[in-house]
Amino acid sequence: MSPDRVTGTGTERDPGDLTGLDESSHAFTRTVDALTEEQLAAPSLLPGWSRAHVVAHVALNGGSLAAVIRGLVHANPVAMYESDEQRDADIEELGHAEPSELRERHLVATTEFADAVALMDESHWSGRIDRLPGGPAWPMVTVVPTRRRELEIHHADLGTSYTRADWPADFVVELLDATTVDHASAGPFRVHATDLGLDWFVGDGGGPTVMGSGADLGWWLTGRGGGEGLTCEFGQPPALGPWRRASATATDDGVEGLARSLGSD
């Protein structure tokens, strides 16, 4: 077990533990497998993206993360994406592929990611993920929760019967851990998850308290919706900019247009 652990609210976990990720992968796969060709072609909740585009992004993200891990293990580092332009082009191409190919690419990426994580030993967890050549970078220890965010958030983005209300409670805690740090510049304010009985502080503390279910708070903090289901003691919840994932060396907006601004990568 690595000495560098993912630290959540009151918990510590082996960074290579795939338990929660496996559950999220299975749930996402079940939904995708049940979609017809017409349903895949229908709009998702992300502007400009069909459901097939969302599935394509999730598949390509899994394959890219697996490649980063293999590169680290074999001392041949690679970035997740050659460029944002190439990333977009790959999503567009796969998003228009036949449903059978799309589903197959997702399953292959899921297997590749799990196999790559299994290659890692303690020395590898101190490495980093480069999103593009030259950065920005994230600690390798965050790779499993990063992948789980891709699956859970974009599962809800598909706009099917699976919604944020179906997010597992432990995932919601992880999501709020991440997003409240990432929105530090929008503070100060506090978020209180009424169903979890937990608080997070954004910025240096103080300010109004935004209250609601953990899932509704997470949905809002990732840039989705207008704060539906939330209340704020001083009126409307604070205005948020795009969700910007805090990197190891800098802050990267991680967005391509509006669809990217609403995604976790």
C-alpha atoms as a PDB file:
ATOM      1  CA  MET A   1       0.000   0.000   0.000  1.00  0.00           C
ATOM      2  CA  SER A   2       1.356   3.404  -0.922  1.00  0.00           C
ATOM      3  CA  PRO A   3       2.310   5.895   1.779  1.00  0.00           C
ATOM      4  CA  ASP A   4       0.606   8.592  -0.341  1.00  0.00           C
ATOM      5  CA  ARG A   5      -3.090   8.152   0.150  1.00  0.00           C
ATOM      6  CA  VAL A   6      -6.189   9.836  -1.144  1.00  0.00           C
ATOM      7  CA  THR A   7      -7.604  11.710   1.827  1.00  0.00           C
ATOM      8  CA  GLY A   8     -11.326  12.315   1.910  1.00  0.00           C
ATOM      9  CA  THR A   9     -13.458  13.747   4.679  1.00  0.00           C
ATOM     10  CA  GLY A  10     -12.394  11.690   7.653  1.00  0.00           C
ATOM     11  CA  THR A  11     -11.121   8.748   5.588  1.00  0.00           C
ATOM     12  CA  GLU A  12      -7.890   7.424   4.103  1.00  0.00           C
ATOM     13  CA  ARG A  13      -7.750   4.998   1.220  1.00  0.00           C
ATOM     14  CA  ASP A  14      -5.276   3.081  -0.865  1.00  0.00           C
ATOM     15  CA  PRO A  15      -4.976   5.129  -4.095  1.00  0.00           C
ATOM     16  CA  GLY A  16      -5.124   1.920  -6.140  1.00  0.00           C
ATOM     17  CA  ASP A  17      -8.387   0.714  -4.593  1.00  0.00           C
ATOM     18  CA  LEU A  18     -10.839   0.294  -7.486  1.00  0.00           C
ATOM     19  CA  THR A  19     -13.879  -0.763  -5.445  1.00  0.00           C
ATOM     20  CA  GLY A  20     -15.942   2.381  -5.904  1.00  0.00           C
ATOM     21  CA  LEU A  21     -14.640   2.901  -9.423  1.00  0.00           C
ATOM     22  CA  ASP A  22     -15.690  -0.609 -10.450  1.00  0.00           C
ATOM     23  CA  GLU A  23     -19.220   0.042  -9.214  1.00  0.00           C
ATOM     24  CA  SER A  24     -19.370   3.309 -11.150  1.00  0.00           C
ATOM     25  CA  SER A  25     -17.991   1.613 -14.290  1.00  0.00           C
ATOM     26  CA  HIS A  26     -20.565  -1.171 -14.140  1.00  0.00           C
ATOM     27  CA  ALA A  27     -23.427   1.295 -13.669  1.00  0.00           C
ATOM     28  CA  PHE A  28     -22.280   3.474 -16.587  1.00  0.00           C
ATOM     29  CA  THR A  29     -21.839   0.407 -18.820  1.00  0.00           C
ATOM     30  CA  ARG A  30     -25.327  -0.895 -18.023  1.00  0.00           C
ATOM     31  CA  THR A  31     -26.844   2.421 -19.041  1.00  0.00           C
ATOM     32  CA  VAL A  32     -24.840   2.657 -22.267  1.00  0.00           C
ATOM     33  CA  ASP A  33     -25.632  -0.934 -23.250  1.00  0.00           C
ATOM     34  CA  ALA A  34     -29.355  -0.244 -22.845  1.00  0.00           C
ATOM     35  CA  LEU A  35     -29.366   2.778 -25.182  1.00  0.00           C
ATOM     36  CA  THR A  36     -30.603   2.291 -28.725  1.00  0.00           C
ATOM     37  CA  GLU A  37     -28.902   3.869 -31.710  1.00  0.00           C
ATOM     38  CA  GLU A  38     -31.540   6.613 -31.725  1.00  0.00           C
ATOM     39  CA  GLN A  39     -31.107   7.249 -28.000  1.00  0.00           C
ATOM     40  CA  LEU A  40     -27.335   7.499 -28.358  1.00  0.00           C
ATOM     41  CA  ALA A  41     -27.776  10.061 -31.116  1.00  0.00           C
ATOM     42  CA  ALA A  42     -30.124  12.175 -28.976  1.00  0.00           C
ATOM     43  CA  PRO A  43     -28.830  15.271 -27.159  1.00  0.00           C
ATOM     44  CA  SER A  44     -27.167  14.850 -23.779  1.00  0.00           C
ATOM     45  CA  LEU A  45     -27.359  17.448 -21.011  1.00  0.00           C
ATOM     46  CA  LEU A  46     -24.077  18.952 -22.277  1.00  0.00           C
ATOM     47  CA  PRO A  47     -24.709  21.637 -24.915  1.00  0.00           C
ATOM     48  CA  GLY A  48     -23.532  20.538 -28.342  1.00  0.00           C
ATOM     49  CA  TRP A  49     -22.893  16.935 -27.354  1.00  0.00           C
ATOM     50  CA  SER A  50     -25.060  13.926 -28.112  1.00  0.00           C
ATOM     51  CA  ARG A  51     -25.102  11.015 -25.691  1.00  0.00           C
ATOM     52  CA  ALA A  52     -22.698   9.274 -28.064  1.00  0.00           C
ATOM     53  CA  HIS A  53     -20.263  12.176 -27.688  1.00  0.00           C
ATOM     54  CA  VAL A  54     -20.389  11.791 -23.905  1.00  0.00           C
ATOM     55  CA  VAL A  55     -19.725   8.044 -24.152  1.00  0.00           C
ATOM     56  CA  ALA A  56     -16.902   8.712 -26.622  1.00  0.00           C
ATOM     57  CA  HIS A  57     -15.311  11.192 -24.229  1.00  0.00           C
ATOM     58  CA  VAL A  58     -15.526   8.758 -21.307  1.00  0.00           C
ATOM     59  CA  ALA A  59     -14.019   5.964 -23.408  1.00  0.00           C
ATOM     60  CA  LEU A  60     -11.171   8.107 -24.730  1.00  0.00           C
ATOM     61  CA  ASN A  61     -10.493   9.521 -21.277  1.00  0.00           C
ATOM     62  CA  GLY A  62     -10.112   6.012 -19.868  1.00  0.00           C
ATOM     63  CA  GLY A  63      -7.733   5.005 -22.626  1.00  0.00           C
ATOM     64  CA  SER A  64      -5.712   8.200 -22.225  1.00  0.00           C
ATOM     65  CA  LEU A  65      -5.357   7.748 -18.470  1.00  0.00           C
ATOM     66  CA  ALA A  66      -4.317   4.121 -18.997  1.00  0.00           C
ATOM     67  CA  ALA A  67      -1.634   5.263 -21.446  1.00  0.00           C
ATOM     68  CA  VAL A  68      -0.333   7.810 -18.922  1.00  0.00           C
ATOM     69  CA  ILE A  69      -0.080   5.123 -16.247  1.00  0.00           C
ATOM     70  CA  ARG A  70       1.686   2.657 -18.547  1.00  0.00           C
ATOM     71  CA  GLY A  71       4.094   5.385 -19.594  1.00  0.00           C
ATOM     72  CA  LEU A  72       4.951   6.118 -15.988  1.00  0.00           C
ATOM     73  CA  VAL A  73       5.423   2.442 -15.108  1.00  0.00           C
ATOM     74  CA  HIS A  74       7.675   1.825 -18.119  1.00  0.00           C
ATOM     75  CA  ALA A  75       9.634   5.092 -17.704  1.00  0.00           C
ATOM     76  CA  ASN A  76       8.283   6.418 -20.996  1.00  0.00           C
ATOM     77  CA  PRO A  77       6.088   9.314 -19.902  1.00  0.00           C
ATOM     78  CA  VAL A  78       3.292  10.531 -22.158  1.00  0.00           C
ATOM     79  CA  ALA A  79       0.629  13.200 -21.805  1.00  0.00           C
ATOM     80  CA  MET A  80      -3.066  12.380 -21.763  1.00  0.00           C
ATOM     81  CA  TYR A  81      -3.715  14.346 -24.942  1.00  0.00           C
ATOM     82  CA  GLU A  82      -1.484  15.469 -27.792  1.00  0.00           C
ATOM     83  CA  SER A  83      -3.463  18.722 -27.935  1.00  0.00           C
ATOM     84  CA  ASP A  84      -6.934  20.003 -27.154  1.00  0.00           C
ATOM     85  CA  GLU A  85      -7.663  20.141 -30.873  1.00  0.00           C
ATOM     86  CA  GLN A  86      -6.756  16.484 -31.363  1.00  0.00           C
ATOM     87  CA  ARG A  87      -8.767  15.505 -28.298  1.00  0.00           C
ATOM     88  CA  ASP A  88     -11.832  17.257 -29.692  1.00  0.00           C
ATOM     89  CA  ALA A  89     -11.369  15.667 -33.106  1.00  0.00           C
ATOM     90  CA  ASP A  90     -11.098  12.189 -31.570  1.00  0.00           C
ATOM     91  CA  ILE A  91     -14.299  12.699 -29.569  1.00  0.00           C
ATOM     92  CA  GLU A  92     -16.120  13.961 -32.648  1.00  0.00           C
ATOM     93  CA  GLU A  93     -14.999  10.984 -34.711  1.00  0.00           C
ATOM     94  CA  LEU A  94     -15.853   8.334 -32.130  1.00  0.00           C
ATOM     95  CA  GLY A  95     -19.102  10.114 -31.299  1.00  0.00           C
ATOM     96  CA  HIS A  96     -20.291   9.336 -34.838  1.00  0.00           C
ATOM     97  CA  ALA A  97     -19.136   5.699 -34.844  1.00  0.00           C
ATOM     98  CA  GLU A  98     -21.504   2.758 -34.946  1.00  0.00           C
ATOM     99  CA  PRO A  99     -23.007   1.956 -31.517  1.00  0.00           C
ATOM    100  CA  SER A 100     -21.254  -1.417 -31.422  1.00  0.00           C
ATOM    101  CA  GLU A 101     -17.853   0.234 -31.907  1.00  0.00           C
ATOM    102  CA  LEU A 102     -18.649   2.900 -29.317  1.00  0.00           C
ATOM    103  CA  ARG A 103     -19.621   0.301 -26.720  1.00  0.00           C
ATOM    104  CA  GLU A 104     -16.562  -1.802 -27.520  1.00  0.00           C
ATOM    105  CA  ARG A 105     -14.219   1.168 -27.154  1.00  0.00           C
ATOM    106  CA  HIS A 106     -15.729   1.951 -23.768  1.00  0.00           C
ATOM    107  CA  LEU A 107     -15.301  -1.638 -22.553  1.00  0.00           C
ATOM    108  CA  VAL A 108     -11.716  -1.774 -23.817  1.00  0.00           C
ATOM    109  CA  ALA A 109     -10.874   1.503 -22.075  1.00  0.00           C
ATOM    110  CA  THR A 110     -12.397   0.244 -18.825  1.00  0.00           C
ATOM    111  CA  THR A 111     -10.260  -2.898 -18.938  1.00  0.00           C
ATOM    112  CA  GLU A 112      -7.128  -1.003 -19.982  1.00  0.00           C
ATOM    113  CA  PHE A 113      -7.467   1.404 -17.077  1.00  0.00           C
ATOM    114  CA  ALA A 114      -7.883  -1.334 -14.471  1.00  0.00           C
ATOM    115  CA  ASP A 115      -4.986  -3.322 -15.940  1.00  0.00           C
ATOM    116  CA  ALA A 116      -2.751  -0.244 -15.934  1.00  0.00           C
ATOM    117  CA  VAL A 117      -3.492   0.565 -12.279  1.00  0.00           C
ATOM    118  CA  ALA A 118      -2.618  -3.033 -11.395  1.00  0.00           C
ATOM    119  CA  LEU A 119       0.901  -2.441 -12.792  1.00  0.00           C
ATOM    120  CA  MET A 120       1.644   0.319 -10.302  1.00  0.00           C
ATOM    121  CA  ASP A 121       3.685  -0.110  -7.154  1.00  0.00           C
ATOM    122  CA  GLU A 122       4.407   2.245  -4.264  1.00  0.00           C
ATOM    123  CA  SER A 123       7.082   4.185  -6.130  1.00  0.00           C
ATOM    124  CA  HIS A 124       4.723   5.122  -8.963  1.00  0.00           C
ATOM    125  CA  TRP A 125       2.110   6.914  -6.861  1.00  0.00           C
ATOM    126  CA  SER A 126       4.448   9.863  -6.274  1.00  0.00           C
ATOM    127  CA  GLY A 127       4.426  10.609 -10.022  1.00  0.00           C
ATOM    128  CA  ARG A 128       2.181  12.990 -11.920  1.00  0.00           C
ATOM    129  CA  ILE A 129      -0.331  13.095 -14.751  1.00  0.00           C
ATOM    130  CA  ASP A 130       0.361  15.563 -17.561  1.00  0.00           C
ATOM    131  CA  ARG A 131      -2.833  16.586 -19.307  1.00  0.00           C
ATOM    132  CA  LEU A 132      -0.966  18.047 -22.316  1.00  0.00           C
ATOM    133  CA  PRO A 133       2.745  17.914 -23.219  1.00  0.00           C
ATOM    134  CA  GLY A 134       4.394  20.239 -20.705  1.00  0.00           C
ATOM    135  CA  GLY A 135       1.406  20.276 -18.345  1.00  0.00           C
ATOM    136  CA  PRO A 136      -0.729  21.190 -16.519  1.00  0.00           C
ATOM    137  CA  ALA A 137      -0.099  18.322 -14.135  1.00  0.00           C
ATOM    138  CA  TRP A 138      -1.969  16.485 -11.402  1.00  0.00           C
ATOM    139  CA  PRO A 139      -0.588  14.068  -8.786  1.00  0.00           C
ATOM    140  CA  MET A 140      -0.790  10.437  -9.914  1.00  0.00           C
ATOM    141  CA  VAL A 141      -2.405   9.661  -6.557  1.00  0.00           C
ATOM    142  CA  THR A 142      -5.568  11.354  -7.865  1.00  0.00           C
ATOM    143  CA  VAL A 143      -5.926   9.161 -10.968  1.00  0.00           C
ATOM    144  CA  VAL A 144      -8.559   6.753  -9.602  1.00  0.00           C
ATOM    145  CA  PRO A 145     -10.898   9.420  -8.151  1.00  0.00           C
ATOM    146  CA  THR A 146     -10.395  11.440 -11.340  1.00  0.00           C
ATOM    147  CA  ARG A 147     -11.581   8.506 -13.432  1.00  0.00           C
ATOM    148  CA  ARG A 148     -14.532   7.922 -11.130  1.00  0.00           C
ATOM    149  CA  ARG A 149     -15.601  11.551 -11.478  1.00  0.00           C
ATOM    150  CA  GLU A 150     -15.565  11.143 -15.251  1.00  0.00           C
ATOM    151  CA  LEU A 151     -17.870   8.134 -15.014  1.00  0.00           C
ATOM    152  CA  GLU A 152     -20.307   9.422 -12.397  1.00  0.00           C
ATOM    153  CA  ILE A 153     -20.650  13.013 -13.580  1.00  0.00           C
ATOM    154  CA  HIS A 154     -20.963  12.090 -17.237  1.00  0.00           C
ATOM    155  CA  HIS A 155     -23.351   9.253 -16.376  1.00  0.00           C
ATOM    156  CA  ALA A 156     -25.734  11.915 -15.119  1.00  0.00           C
ATOM    157  CA  ASP A 157     -24.893  14.091 -18.140  1.00  0.00           C
ATOM    158  CA  LEU A 158     -26.310  11.399 -20.438  1.00  0.00           C
ATOM    159  CA  GLY A 159     -29.786  12.582 -19.437  1.00  0.00           C
ATOM    160  CA  THR A 160     -31.236   9.121 -18.862  1.00  0.00           C
ATOM    161  CA  SER A 161     -32.941   7.759 -15.753  1.00  0.00           C
ATOM    162  CA  TYR A 162     -29.604   7.922 -13.907  1.00  0.00           C
ATOM    163  CA  THR A 163     -29.323  11.343 -12.255  1.00  0.00           C
ATOM    164  CA  ARG A 164     -27.194  13.022  -9.634  1.00  0.00           C
ATOM    165  CA  ALA A 165     -29.627  11.675  -7.040  1.00  0.00           C
ATOM    166  CA  ASP A 166     -28.227   8.215  -7.853  1.00  0.00           C
ATOM    167  CA  TRP A 167     -24.627   9.152  -7.063  1.00  0.00           C
ATOM    168  CA  PRO A 168     -23.199   6.947  -4.267  1.00  0.00           C
ATOM    169  CA  ALA A 169     -22.752   8.812  -0.983  1.00  0.00           C
ATOM    170  CA  ASP A 170     -18.996   8.144  -0.823  1.00  0.00           C
ATOM    171  CA  PHE A 171     -18.598   9.569  -4.329  1.00  0.00           C
ATOM    172  CA  VAL A 172     -20.519  12.710  -3.343  1.00  0.00           C
ATOM    173  CA  VAL A 173     -18.112  13.251  -0.458  1.00  0.00           C
ATOM    174  CA  GLU A 174     -15.120  12.876  -2.809  1.00  0.00           C
ATOM    175  CA  LEU A 175     -16.705  15.242  -5.328  1.00  0.00           C
ATOM    176  CA  LEU A 176     -17.336  17.924  -2.717  1.00  0.00           C
ATOM    177  CA  ASP A 177     -13.806  17.485  -1.373  1.00  0.00           C
ATOM    178  CA  ALA A 178     -12.483  18.258  -4.872  1.00  0.00           C
ATOM    179  CA  THR A 179     -14.860  20.954  -6.089  1.00  0.00           C
ATOM    180  CA  THR A 180     -14.778  23.065  -2.942  1.00  0.00           C
ATOM    181  CA  VAL A 181     -10.979  23.245  -3.242  1.00  0.00           C
ATOM    182  CA  ASP A 182     -11.187  24.026  -6.953  1.00  0.00           C
ATOM    183  CA  HIS A 183     -13.610  26.915  -6.375  1.00  0.00           C
ATOM    184  CA  ALA A 184     -11.482  28.541  -3.657  1.00  0.00           C
ATOM    185  CA  SER A 185     -11.310  31.819  -5.579  1.00  0.00           C
ATOM    186  CA  ALA A 186     -15.126  32.068  -5.560  1.00  0.00           C
ATOM    187  CA  GLY A 187     -15.251  32.083  -1.756  1.00  0.00           C
ATOM    188  CA  PRO A 188     -15.564  32.643   1.008  1.00  0.00           C
ATOM    189  CA  PHE A 189     -18.676  30.606   1.648  1.00  0.00           C
ATOM    190  CA  ARG A 190     -19.639  27.359   3.308  1.00  0.00           C
ATOM    191  CA  VAL A 191     -21.599  24.445   1.855  1.00  0.00           C
ATOM    192  CA  HIS A 192     -23.649  22.199   4.109  1.00  0.00           C
ATOM    193  CA  ALA A 193     -24.824  18.840   2.789  1.00  0.00           C
ATOM    194  CA  THR A 194     -28.079  18.332   4.638  1.00  0.00           C
ATOM    195  CA  ASP A 195     -28.301  14.616   3.891  1.00  0.00           C
ATOM    196  CA  LEU A 196     -24.694  13.891   4.869  1.00  0.00           C
ATOM    197  CA  GLY A 197     -24.457  16.212   7.865  1.00  0.00           C
ATOM    198  CA  LEU A 198     -21.102  17.503   6.582  1.00  0.00           C
ATOM    199  CA  ASP A 199     -19.689  20.955   5.884  1.00  0.00           C
ATOM    200  CA  TRP A 200     -17.057  22.226   3.458  1.00  0.00           C
ATOM    201  CA  PHE A 201     -15.495  25.692   3.411  1.00  0.00           C
ATOM    202  CA  VAL A 202     -14.731  27.435   0.141  1.00  0.00           C
ATOM    203  CA  GLY A 203     -11.964  29.994   0.328  1.00  0.00           C
ATOM    204  CA  ASP A 204     -10.724  31.293   3.661  1.00  0.00           C
ATOM    205  CA  GLY A 205     -13.921  30.625   5.585  1.00  0.00           C
ATOM    206  CA  GLY A 206     -16.796  32.837   6.559  1.00  0.00           C
ATOM    207  CA  GLY A 207     -19.456  34.111   4.203  1.00  0.00           C
ATOM    208  CA  PRO A 208     -22.917  32.660   3.580  1.00  0.00           C
ATOM    209  CA  THR A 209     -23.900  29.017   3.922  1.00  0.00           C
ATOM    210  CA  VAL A 210     -25.297  27.211   0.875  1.00  0.00           C
ATOM    211  CA  MET A 211     -27.442  24.237   1.885  1.00  0.00           C
ATOM    212  CA  GLY A 212     -28.873  21.267   0.066  1.00  0.00           C
ATOM    213  CA  SER A 213     -28.280  17.605  -0.610  1.00  0.00           C
ATOM    214  CA  GLY A 214     -24.706  16.630  -1.327  1.00  0.00           C
ATOM    215  CA  ALA A 215     -25.642  15.670  -4.886  1.00  0.00           C
ATOM    216  CA  ASP A 216     -27.371  19.008  -5.558  1.00  0.00           C
ATOM    217  CA  LEU A 217     -24.332  20.839  -4.162  1.00  0.00           C
ATOM    218  CA  GLY A 218     -21.995  18.759  -6.341  1.00  0.00           C
ATOM    219  CA  TRP A 219     -24.112  19.384  -9.430  1.00  0.00           C
ATOM    220  CA  TRP A 220     -23.976  23.128  -8.815  1.00  0.00           C
ATOM    221  CA  LEU A 221     -20.251  23.163  -8.017  1.00  0.00           C
ATOM    222  CA  THR A 222     -19.446  21.352 -11.280  1.00  0.00           C
ATOM    223  CA  GLY A 223     -21.200  24.126 -13.201  1.00  0.00           C
ATOM    224  CA  ARG A 224     -24.476  22.360 -13.890  1.00  0.00           C
ATOM    225  CA  GLY A 225     -27.890  23.907 -13.439  1.00  0.00           C
ATOM    226  CA  GLY A 226     -28.646  27.097 -11.566  1.00  0.00           C
ATOM    227  CA  GLY A 227     -28.560  25.868  -8.002  1.00  0.00           C
ATOM    228  CA  GLU A 228     -31.807  23.921  -8.099  1.00  0.00           C
ATOM    229  CA  GLY A 229     -32.579  22.332  -4.735  1.00  0.00           C
ATOM    230  CA  LEU A 230     -30.233  24.681  -2.863  1.00  0.00           C
ATOM    231  CA  THR A 231     -30.911  27.456  -0.389  1.00  0.00           C
ATOM    232  CA  CYS A 232     -28.612  30.214   0.810  1.00  0.00           C
ATOM    233  CA  GLU A 233     -29.021  32.131   4.038  1.00  0.00           C
ATOM    234  CA  PHE A 234     -28.267  35.445   2.294  1.00  0.00           C
ATOM    235  CA  GLY A 235     -30.433  34.919  -0.786  1.00  0.00           C
ATOM    236  CA  GLN A 236     -29.063  33.410  -3.980  1.00  0.00           C
ATOM    237  CA  PRO A 237     -26.025  31.100  -3.894  1.00  0.00           C
ATOM    238  CA  PRO A 238     -22.741  32.826  -4.805  1.00  0.00           C
ATOM    239  CA  ALA A 239     -21.909  33.173  -8.490  1.00  0.00           C
ATOM    240  CA  LEU A 240     -19.407  30.574  -9.670  1.00  0.00           C
ATOM    241  CA  GLY A 241     -17.040  30.642 -12.603  1.00  0.00           C
ATOM    242  CA  PRO A 242     -16.349  27.525 -14.704  1.00  0.00           C
ATOM    243  CA  TRP A 243     -15.240  24.520 -12.698  1.00  0.00           C
ATOM    244  CA  ARG A 244     -11.450  24.643 -12.935  1.00  0.00           C
ATOM    245  CA  ARG A 245      -9.607  21.563 -11.760  1.00  0.00           C
ATOM    246  CA  ALA A 246      -6.719  22.638  -9.543  1.00  0.00           C
ATOM    247  CA  SER A 247      -3.502  21.175 -10.942  1.00  0.00           C
ATOM    248  CA  ALA A 248      -0.265  20.290  -9.198  1.00  0.00           C
ATOM    249  CA  THR A 249       1.589  23.201 -10.787  1.00  0.00           C
ATOM    250  CA  ALA A 250      -1.058  25.608 -12.033  1.00  0.00           C
ATOM    251  CA  THR A 251      -4.772  26.075 -12.476  1.00  0.00           C
ATOM    252  CA  ASP A 252      -6.111  24.837 -15.813  1.00  0.00           C
ATOM    253  CA  ASP A 253      -9.609  25.541 -17.040  1.00  0.00           C
ATOM    254  CA  GLY A 254      -9.763  22.123 -18.693  1.00  0.00           C
ATOM    255  CA  VAL A 255     -12.564  23.166 -21.048  1.00  0.00           C
ATOM    256  CA  GLU A 256     -13.256  23.205 -24.751  1.00  0.00           C
ATOM    257  CA  GLY A 257     -16.219  25.502 -25.217  1.00  0.00           C
ATOM    258  CA  LEU A 258     -19.256  25.219 -23.007  1.00  0.00           C
ATOM    259  CA  ALA A 259     -19.369  21.424 -23.052  1.00  0.00           C
ATOM    260  CA  ARG A 260     -15.843  21.210 -21.678  1.00  0.00           C
ATOM    261  CA  SER A 261     -16.566  23.873 -19.066  1.00  0.00           C
ATOM    262  CA  LEU A 262     -19.265  21.581 -17.734  1.00  0.00           C
ATOM    263  CA  GLY A 263     -17.095  18.486 -17.692  1.00  0.00           C
ATOM    264  CA  SER A 264     -14.476  17.286 -15.249  1.00  0.00           C
ATOM    265  CA  ASP A 265     -11.917  17.100 -18.037  1.00  0.00           C
END
